[in-house]
Amino acid sequence: MDNIPGGFSEPGPGDRGAAQQQVNTPAILLMVTGGLGIVSGLIGLVQAFMGRGAALPPQVYDDPNLAQFRGMFEALQSGGWVFNLIGLALCGLIFFGGLKMKNLENFGLAIAASIIAIIPCFSGCCCIIGMPAGIWALVVLNKPEVKAAFR
């Protein structure tokens, strides 16, 4: 199966070098976003298993209006490791997609990683880097000369 999107022909050596130069910085930023998210997720996972996650504020226990939501808050707090595992998987995908983008391999994975990096709840605390990097990566990836350079 042909992995060149849009049915483009095989690019010449000059085209590939120019495309490599265009994708280099956004790909590195995607890898930084994914790497920081992985570190953050690992720290959160360790905290969740050690029971040192974020404690519920005293207002939840003191306020009678929040009494009906107390069970939901406690369930979310005790299931924090699940959210950390999902975040780790998604940040790993962002990192791997950035790596493939940098090497001009697997166009679809590079697009998916860029989109996931844009969504704040998926890239975790790194959305300050992830949003601009993801948008920049999508803009660069949608250029015809860059699409043609992917194998």
N, C-alpha and C. Protein backbone atom coordinates (compact mmCIF):
# COMPACT_ATOMS: atom_id res chain seq x y z
N MET A 1 0.85 -1.18 0.00
CA MET A 1 0.00 0.00 0.00
C MET A 1 0.89 1.23 0.00
N ASP A 2 0.52 2.18 -0.77
CA ASP A 2 1.28 3.41 -0.92
C ASP A 2 1.04 4.31 0.27
N ASN A 3 2.09 4.76 0.94
CA ASN A 3 1.96 5.60 2.13
C ASN A 3 2.10 7.08 1.82
N ILE A 4 2.16 7.44 0.55
CA ILE A 4 2.25 8.85 0.17
C ILE A 4 0.83 9.39 0.05
N PRO A 5 0.46 10.35 0.92
CA PRO A 5 -0.91 10.86 0.91
C PRO A 5 -1.21 11.66 -0.35
N GLY A 6 -2.44 11.57 -0.77
CA GLY A 6 -2.91 12.37 -1.89
C GLY A 6 -2.44 11.90 -3.25
N GLY A 7 -1.79 10.73 -3.33
CA GLY A 7 -1.37 10.19 -4.61
C GLY A 7 -0.23 10.97 -5.25
N PHE A 8 0.60 11.65 -4.46
CA PHE A 8 1.72 12.39 -5.02
C PHE A 8 2.80 11.43 -5.49
N SER A 9 3.57 11.85 -6.45
CA SER A 9 4.67 11.02 -6.92
C SER A 9 5.84 11.14 -5.95
N GLU A 10 6.83 10.29 -6.12
CA GLU A 10 8.00 10.29 -5.26
C GLU A 10 8.77 11.60 -5.41
N PRO A 11 9.06 12.29 -4.30
CA PRO A 11 9.73 13.58 -4.39
C PRO A 11 11.21 13.43 -4.71
N GLY A 12 11.79 14.50 -5.21
CA GLY A 12 13.22 14.53 -5.47
C GLY A 12 13.98 14.81 -4.18
N PRO A 13 15.31 14.69 -4.21
CA PRO A 13 16.10 14.89 -3.00
C PRO A 13 15.98 16.30 -2.42
N GLY A 14 15.84 17.32 -3.26
CA GLY A 14 15.71 18.69 -2.77
C GLY A 14 14.39 18.89 -2.05
N ASP A 15 13.34 18.27 -2.56
CA ASP A 15 12.02 18.41 -1.94
C ASP A 15 12.01 17.81 -0.53
N ARG A 16 12.63 16.67 -0.38
CA ARG A 16 12.64 15.99 0.92
C ARG A 16 13.42 16.81 1.95
N GLY A 17 14.52 17.40 1.55
CA GLY A 17 15.31 18.21 2.47
C GLY A 17 14.55 19.45 2.93
N ALA A 18 13.84 20.09 2.01
CA ALA A 18 13.05 21.27 2.36
C ALA A 18 11.90 20.89 3.30
N ALA A 19 11.26 19.76 3.02
CA ALA A 19 10.17 19.30 3.88
C ALA A 19 10.70 18.93 5.26
N GLN A 20 11.87 18.30 5.29
CA GLN A 20 12.48 17.93 6.57
C GLN A 20 12.75 19.17 7.41
N GLN A 21 13.20 20.22 6.78
CA GLN A 21 13.48 21.46 7.48
C GLN A 21 12.19 22.10 8.02
N GLN A 22 11.09 21.98 7.25
CA GLN A 22 9.82 22.58 7.68
C GLN A 22 9.20 21.84 8.86
N VAL A 23 9.33 20.51 8.90
CA VAL A 23 8.68 19.74 9.96
C VAL A 23 9.53 19.61 11.21
N ASN A 24 10.80 19.96 11.13
CA ASN A 24 11.73 19.71 12.23
C ASN A 24 11.29 20.36 13.55
N THR A 25 11.06 21.66 13.56
CA THR A 25 10.73 22.35 14.81
C THR A 25 9.37 21.94 15.38
N PRO A 26 8.29 21.90 14.57
CA PRO A 26 7.03 21.46 15.19
C PRO A 26 7.07 20.01 15.67
N ALA A 27 7.84 19.16 14.99
CA ALA A 27 7.96 17.77 15.43
C ALA A 27 8.68 17.69 16.77
N ILE A 28 9.73 18.47 16.93
CA ILE A 28 10.46 18.49 18.20
C ILE A 28 9.55 19.01 19.32
N LEU A 29 8.76 20.03 19.03
CA LEU A 29 7.83 20.55 20.04
C LEU A 29 6.78 19.51 20.42
N LEU A 30 6.32 18.73 19.44
CA LEU A 30 5.37 17.65 19.76
C LEU A 30 6.05 16.62 20.66
N MET A 31 7.30 16.30 20.38
CA MET A 31 8.01 15.32 21.21
C MET A 31 8.23 15.86 22.62
N VAL A 32 8.53 17.15 22.75
CA VAL A 32 8.68 17.77 24.07
C VAL A 32 7.36 17.72 24.83
N THR A 33 6.26 18.05 24.14
CA THR A 33 4.94 17.99 24.76
C THR A 33 4.63 16.59 25.24
N GLY A 34 4.85 15.59 24.38
CA GLY A 34 4.61 14.21 24.77
C GLY A 34 5.49 13.77 25.92
N GLY A 35 6.77 14.14 25.87
CA GLY A 35 7.71 13.76 26.93
C GLY A 35 7.34 14.35 28.28
N LEU A 36 7.01 15.64 28.28
CA LEU A 36 6.59 16.28 29.54
C LEU A 36 5.29 15.67 30.06
N GLY A 37 4.39 15.35 29.15
CA GLY A 37 3.13 14.70 29.56
C GLY A 37 3.37 13.32 30.14
N ILE A 38 4.33 12.59 29.58
CA ILE A 38 4.66 11.26 30.11
C ILE A 38 5.23 11.38 31.52
N VAL A 39 6.14 12.32 31.72
CA VAL A 39 6.72 12.53 33.05
C VAL A 39 5.62 12.92 34.04
N SER A 40 4.76 13.83 33.63
CA SER A 40 3.66 14.27 34.49
C SER A 40 2.71 13.10 34.81
N GLY A 41 2.41 12.30 33.80
CA GLY A 41 1.54 11.15 34.01
C GLY A 41 2.15 10.11 34.94
N LEU A 42 3.46 9.89 34.81
CA LEU A 42 4.13 8.93 35.70
C LEU A 42 4.12 9.41 37.14
N ILE A 43 4.35 10.70 37.33
CA ILE A 43 4.29 11.26 38.68
C ILE A 43 2.88 11.13 39.24
N GLY A 44 1.88 11.44 38.44
CA GLY A 44 0.49 11.30 38.88
C GLY A 44 0.11 9.87 39.18
N LEU A 45 0.64 8.94 38.38
CA LEU A 45 0.36 7.52 38.60
C LEU A 45 0.96 7.05 39.92
N VAL A 46 2.19 7.46 40.20
CA VAL A 46 2.82 7.09 41.46
C VAL A 46 2.04 7.69 42.63
N GLN A 47 1.64 8.94 42.50
CA GLN A 47 0.85 9.58 43.56
C GLN A 47 -0.48 8.89 43.77
N ALA A 48 -1.13 8.48 42.68
CA ALA A 48 -2.43 7.81 42.80
C ALA A 48 -2.29 6.48 43.52
N PHE A 49 -1.23 5.72 43.20
CA PHE A 49 -1.04 4.42 43.85
C PHE A 49 -0.59 4.56 45.30
N MET A 50 0.08 5.67 45.62
CA MET A 50 0.52 5.88 46.99
C MET A 50 -0.56 6.57 47.81
N GLY A 51 -1.65 6.93 47.19
CA GLY A 51 -2.74 7.59 47.90
C GLY A 51 -2.46 9.04 48.22
N ARG A 52 -1.56 9.65 47.47
CA ARG A 52 -1.20 11.03 47.74
C ARG A 52 -1.72 11.96 46.66
N GLY A 53 -2.77 11.59 46.01
CA GLY A 53 -3.36 12.46 45.00
C GLY A 53 -3.99 13.68 45.65
N ALA A 54 -4.57 14.50 44.85
CA ALA A 54 -5.20 15.72 45.38
C ALA A 54 -6.34 15.34 46.31
N ALA A 55 -6.30 15.88 47.51
CA ALA A 55 -7.35 15.61 48.50
C ALA A 55 -8.56 16.49 48.20
N LEU A 56 -9.70 15.99 48.60
CA LEU A 56 -10.92 16.79 48.44
C LEU A 56 -10.87 17.97 49.40
N PRO A 57 -11.23 19.14 48.94
CA PRO A 57 -11.21 20.30 49.84
C PRO A 57 -12.25 20.15 50.95
N PRO A 58 -12.01 20.77 52.08
CA PRO A 58 -12.94 20.66 53.22
C PRO A 58 -14.35 21.16 52.88
N GLN A 59 -14.47 22.07 51.92
CA GLN A 59 -15.78 22.60 51.55
C GLN A 59 -16.72 21.48 51.05
N VAL A 60 -16.13 20.44 50.45
CA VAL A 60 -16.97 19.34 49.95
C VAL A 60 -17.64 18.63 51.12
N TYR A 61 -16.94 18.50 52.22
CA TYR A 61 -17.50 17.81 53.37
C TYR A 61 -18.39 18.72 54.22
N ASP A 62 -18.10 20.01 54.22
CA ASP A 62 -18.82 20.94 55.07
C ASP A 62 -20.10 21.49 54.43
N ASP A 63 -20.12 21.62 53.14
CA ASP A 63 -21.25 22.25 52.45
C ASP A 63 -22.38 21.23 52.23
N PRO A 64 -23.56 21.45 52.82
CA PRO A 64 -24.66 20.50 52.63
C PRO A 64 -25.17 20.46 51.19
N ASN A 65 -24.94 21.54 50.43
CA ASN A 65 -25.37 21.55 49.02
C ASN A 65 -24.53 20.60 48.16
N LEU A 66 -23.32 20.31 48.60
CA LEU A 66 -22.44 19.41 47.84
C LEU A 66 -22.52 17.97 48.32
N ALA A 67 -23.33 17.70 49.33
CA ALA A 67 -23.41 16.35 49.89
C ALA A 67 -23.84 15.33 48.85
N GLN A 68 -24.71 15.72 47.93
CA GLN A 68 -25.17 14.78 46.91
C GLN A 68 -24.08 14.43 45.90
N PHE A 69 -23.05 15.27 45.78
CA PHE A 69 -21.97 15.02 44.83
C PHE A 69 -20.73 14.41 45.48
N ARG A 70 -20.73 14.26 46.79
CA ARG A 70 -19.57 13.76 47.52
C ARG A 70 -19.13 12.38 47.02
N GLY A 71 -20.07 11.50 46.79
CA GLY A 71 -19.75 10.15 46.30
C GLY A 71 -19.08 10.19 44.94
N MET A 72 -19.57 11.05 44.07
CA MET A 72 -18.97 11.17 42.74
C MET A 72 -17.54 11.71 42.84
N PHE A 73 -17.32 12.71 43.70
CA PHE A 73 -15.99 13.28 43.88
C PHE A 73 -15.01 12.22 44.40
N GLU A 74 -15.47 11.43 45.36
CA GLU A 74 -14.59 10.40 45.93
C GLU A 74 -14.29 9.30 44.92
N ALA A 75 -15.27 8.95 44.10
CA ALA A 75 -15.04 7.92 43.07
C ALA A 75 -14.04 8.41 42.03
N LEU A 76 -14.17 9.67 41.63
CA LEU A 76 -13.21 10.23 40.67
C LEU A 76 -11.81 10.29 41.27
N GLN A 77 -11.74 10.62 42.55
CA GLN A 77 -10.44 10.70 43.20
C GLN A 77 -9.80 9.33 43.32
N SER A 78 -10.56 8.31 43.65
CA SER A 78 -9.99 6.98 43.80
C SER A 78 -9.64 6.34 42.47
N GLY A 79 -10.25 6.78 41.38
CA GLY A 79 -9.96 6.23 40.06
C GLY A 79 -8.95 7.06 39.29
N GLY A 80 -8.15 7.86 39.98
CA GLY A 80 -7.19 8.73 39.33
C GLY A 80 -6.14 8.00 38.51
N TRP A 81 -5.81 6.78 38.89
CA TRP A 81 -4.81 6.02 38.16
C TRP A 81 -5.28 5.70 36.74
N VAL A 82 -6.61 5.54 36.56
CA VAL A 82 -7.14 5.26 35.22
C VAL A 82 -6.90 6.46 34.30
N PHE A 83 -7.18 7.66 34.82
CA PHE A 83 -6.98 8.86 34.02
C PHE A 83 -5.50 9.06 33.71
N ASN A 84 -4.63 8.72 34.66
CA ASN A 84 -3.20 8.83 34.41
C ASN A 84 -2.73 7.84 33.36
N LEU A 85 -3.27 6.64 33.35
CA LEU A 85 -2.90 5.66 32.33
C LEU A 85 -3.35 6.11 30.95
N ILE A 86 -4.56 6.65 30.86
CA ILE A 86 -5.05 7.16 29.58
C ILE A 86 -4.18 8.32 29.11
N GLY A 87 -3.85 9.22 30.03
CA GLY A 87 -2.97 10.34 29.69
C GLY A 87 -1.60 9.88 29.25
N LEU A 88 -1.05 8.86 29.91
CA LEU A 88 0.25 8.31 29.51
C LEU A 88 0.20 7.75 28.10
N ALA A 89 -0.86 7.02 27.78
CA ALA A 89 -0.98 6.45 26.45
C ALA A 89 -1.08 7.55 25.39
N LEU A 90 -1.88 8.57 25.66
CA LEU A 90 -2.05 9.64 24.69
C LEU A 90 -0.78 10.48 24.54
N CYS A 91 -0.09 10.74 25.64
CA CYS A 91 1.17 11.48 25.55
C CYS A 91 2.25 10.65 24.86
N GLY A 92 2.22 9.35 25.05
CA GLY A 92 3.12 8.47 24.30
C GLY A 92 2.84 8.53 22.81
N LEU A 93 1.56 8.60 22.46
CA LEU A 93 1.18 8.72 21.05
C LEU A 93 1.64 10.06 20.47
N ILE A 94 1.53 11.13 21.26
CA ILE A 94 2.00 12.44 20.81
C ILE A 94 3.52 12.40 20.57
N PHE A 95 4.25 11.81 21.51
CA PHE A 95 5.70 11.72 21.37
C PHE A 95 6.07 10.90 20.13
N PHE A 96 5.47 9.72 19.98
CA PHE A 96 5.80 8.83 18.87
C PHE A 96 5.39 9.46 17.53
N GLY A 97 4.24 10.14 17.50
CA GLY A 97 3.82 10.83 16.28
C GLY A 97 4.77 11.95 15.90
N GLY A 98 5.28 12.68 16.91
CA GLY A 98 6.28 13.72 16.64
C GLY A 98 7.57 13.13 16.10
N LEU A 99 7.97 11.98 16.63
CA LEU A 99 9.17 11.30 16.15
C LEU A 99 9.00 10.85 14.70
N LYS A 100 7.85 10.28 14.39
CA LYS A 100 7.58 9.86 13.01
C LYS A 100 7.49 11.05 12.07
N MET A 101 6.94 12.15 12.56
CA MET A 101 6.85 13.37 11.75
C MET A 101 8.25 13.89 11.44
N LYS A 102 9.12 13.88 12.43
CA LYS A 102 10.49 14.37 12.25
C LYS A 102 11.23 13.55 11.21
N ASN A 103 10.95 12.25 11.15
CA ASN A 103 11.60 11.36 10.18
C ASN A 103 10.84 11.26 8.86
N LEU A 104 9.77 12.05 8.72
CA LEU A 104 8.91 12.04 7.53
C LEU A 104 8.38 10.64 7.23
N GLU A 105 7.91 9.98 8.28
CA GLU A 105 7.30 8.65 8.17
C GLU A 105 5.89 8.71 8.75
N ASN A 106 5.00 7.91 8.28
CA ASN A 106 3.66 7.72 8.82
C ASN A 106 2.88 9.04 8.98
N PHE A 107 2.41 9.52 7.87
CA PHE A 107 1.68 10.79 7.81
C PHE A 107 0.45 10.78 8.72
N GLY A 108 -0.30 9.70 8.72
CA GLY A 108 -1.52 9.61 9.53
C GLY A 108 -1.26 9.73 11.02
N LEU A 109 -0.19 9.09 11.49
CA LEU A 109 0.15 9.17 12.91
C LEU A 109 0.60 10.58 13.28
N ALA A 110 1.31 11.24 12.38
CA ALA A 110 1.73 12.62 12.64
C ALA A 110 0.52 13.54 12.75
N ILE A 111 -0.47 13.35 11.89
CA ILE A 111 -1.70 14.14 11.95
C ILE A 111 -2.44 13.86 13.26
N ALA A 112 -2.58 12.58 13.60
CA ALA A 112 -3.29 12.21 14.84
C ALA A 112 -2.60 12.80 16.07
N ALA A 113 -1.28 12.73 16.12
CA ALA A 113 -0.54 13.28 17.26
C ALA A 113 -0.73 14.79 17.35
N SER A 114 -0.76 15.46 16.21
CA SER A 114 -0.96 16.91 16.20
C SER A 114 -2.34 17.28 16.72
N ILE A 115 -3.34 16.53 16.33
CA ILE A 115 -4.71 16.81 16.78
C ILE A 115 -4.85 16.55 18.27
N ILE A 116 -4.28 15.44 18.75
CA ILE A 116 -4.36 15.11 20.18
C ILE A 116 -3.63 16.16 21.01
N ALA A 117 -2.52 16.68 20.51
CA ALA A 117 -1.76 17.69 21.25
C ALA A 117 -2.55 18.99 21.40
N ILE A 118 -3.45 19.26 20.46
CA ILE A 118 -4.24 20.49 20.51
C ILE A 118 -5.29 20.44 21.61
N ILE A 119 -5.82 19.26 21.89
CA ILE A 119 -6.90 19.11 22.87
C ILE A 119 -6.31 19.20 24.28
N PRO A 120 -6.70 20.22 25.05
CA PRO A 120 -6.06 20.47 26.35
C PRO A 120 -6.19 19.32 27.34
N CYS A 121 -7.30 18.62 27.37
CA CYS A 121 -7.45 17.58 28.38
C CYS A 121 -6.64 16.33 28.03
N PHE A 122 -6.11 16.23 26.81
CA PHE A 122 -5.31 15.06 26.45
C PHE A 122 -3.82 15.30 26.61
N SER A 123 -3.37 16.52 26.41
CA SER A 123 -1.94 16.76 26.55
C SER A 123 -1.60 17.21 27.96
N GLY A 124 -2.54 17.15 28.86
CA GLY A 124 -2.29 17.40 30.27
C GLY A 124 -1.82 18.81 30.55
N CYS A 125 -0.85 18.90 31.45
CA CYS A 125 -0.34 20.21 31.87
C CYS A 125 0.44 20.88 30.75
N CYS A 126 0.67 20.18 29.69
CA CYS A 126 1.52 20.69 28.62
C CYS A 126 0.72 21.36 27.51
N CYS A 127 -0.51 21.76 27.78
CA CYS A 127 -1.32 22.35 26.72
C CYS A 127 -0.77 23.71 26.28
N ILE A 128 0.04 24.36 27.13
CA ILE A 128 0.64 25.63 26.74
C ILE A 128 1.61 25.41 25.58
N ILE A 129 2.30 24.30 25.57
CA ILE A 129 3.19 23.96 24.46
C ILE A 129 2.42 23.18 23.39
N GLY A 130 1.53 22.30 23.82
CA GLY A 130 0.85 21.39 22.90
C GLY A 130 -0.06 22.07 21.91
N MET A 131 -0.81 23.06 22.34
CA MET A 131 -1.73 23.73 21.42
C MET A 131 -1.01 24.41 20.26
N PRO A 132 -0.06 25.29 20.53
CA PRO A 132 0.62 25.92 19.39
C PRO A 132 1.42 24.92 18.56
N ALA A 133 2.05 23.94 19.22
CA ALA A 133 2.83 22.95 18.48
C ALA A 133 1.93 22.11 17.58
N GLY A 134 0.77 21.71 18.10
CA GLY A 134 -0.17 20.91 17.31
C GLY A 134 -0.72 21.69 16.13
N ILE A 135 -1.07 22.95 16.35
CA ILE A 135 -1.59 23.77 15.26
C ILE A 135 -0.51 23.99 14.21
N TRP A 136 0.69 24.31 14.66
CA TRP A 136 1.81 24.53 13.74
C TRP A 136 2.10 23.26 12.94
N ALA A 137 2.08 22.12 13.62
CA ALA A 137 2.33 20.84 12.94
C ALA A 137 1.26 20.56 11.88
N LEU A 138 0.00 20.84 12.21
CA LEU A 138 -1.07 20.61 11.23
C LEU A 138 -0.92 21.52 10.01
N VAL A 139 -0.55 22.77 10.25
CA VAL A 139 -0.36 23.70 9.13
C VAL A 139 0.77 23.20 8.22
N VAL A 140 1.88 22.80 8.84
CA VAL A 140 3.02 22.33 8.06
C VAL A 140 2.70 21.01 7.35
N LEU A 141 2.03 20.10 8.05
CA LEU A 141 1.71 18.79 7.46
C LEU A 141 0.76 18.90 6.28
N ASN A 142 -0.05 19.94 6.23
CA ASN A 142 -1.00 20.08 5.14
C ASN A 142 -0.44 20.81 3.93
N LYS A 143 0.82 21.16 3.96
CA LYS A 143 1.45 21.74 2.78
C LYS A 143 1.72 20.63 1.76
N PRO A 144 1.43 20.87 0.48
CA PRO A 144 1.59 19.81 -0.52
C PRO A 144 3.01 19.25 -0.61
N GLU A 145 4.01 20.12 -0.49
CA GLU A 145 5.39 19.63 -0.60
C GLU A 145 5.78 18.77 0.58
N VAL A 146 5.20 19.02 1.74
CA VAL A 146 5.47 18.20 2.92
C VAL A 146 4.74 16.86 2.80
N LYS A 147 3.50 16.91 2.35
CA LYS A 147 2.75 15.66 2.14
C LYS A 147 3.49 14.75 1.17
N ALA A 148 4.04 15.35 0.12
CA ALA A 148 4.73 14.55 -0.89
C ALA A 148 6.02 13.92 -0.37
N ALA A 149 6.61 14.51 0.66
CA ALA A 149 7.88 14.01 1.18
C ALA A 149 7.73 12.81 2.10
N PHE A 150 6.53 12.55 2.60
CA PHE A 150 6.32 11.40 3.50
C PHE A 150 6.43 10.10 2.73
N ARG A 151 7.05 9.08 3.36
CA ARG A 151 7.15 7.77 2.73
C ARG A 151 6.03 6.89 3.22
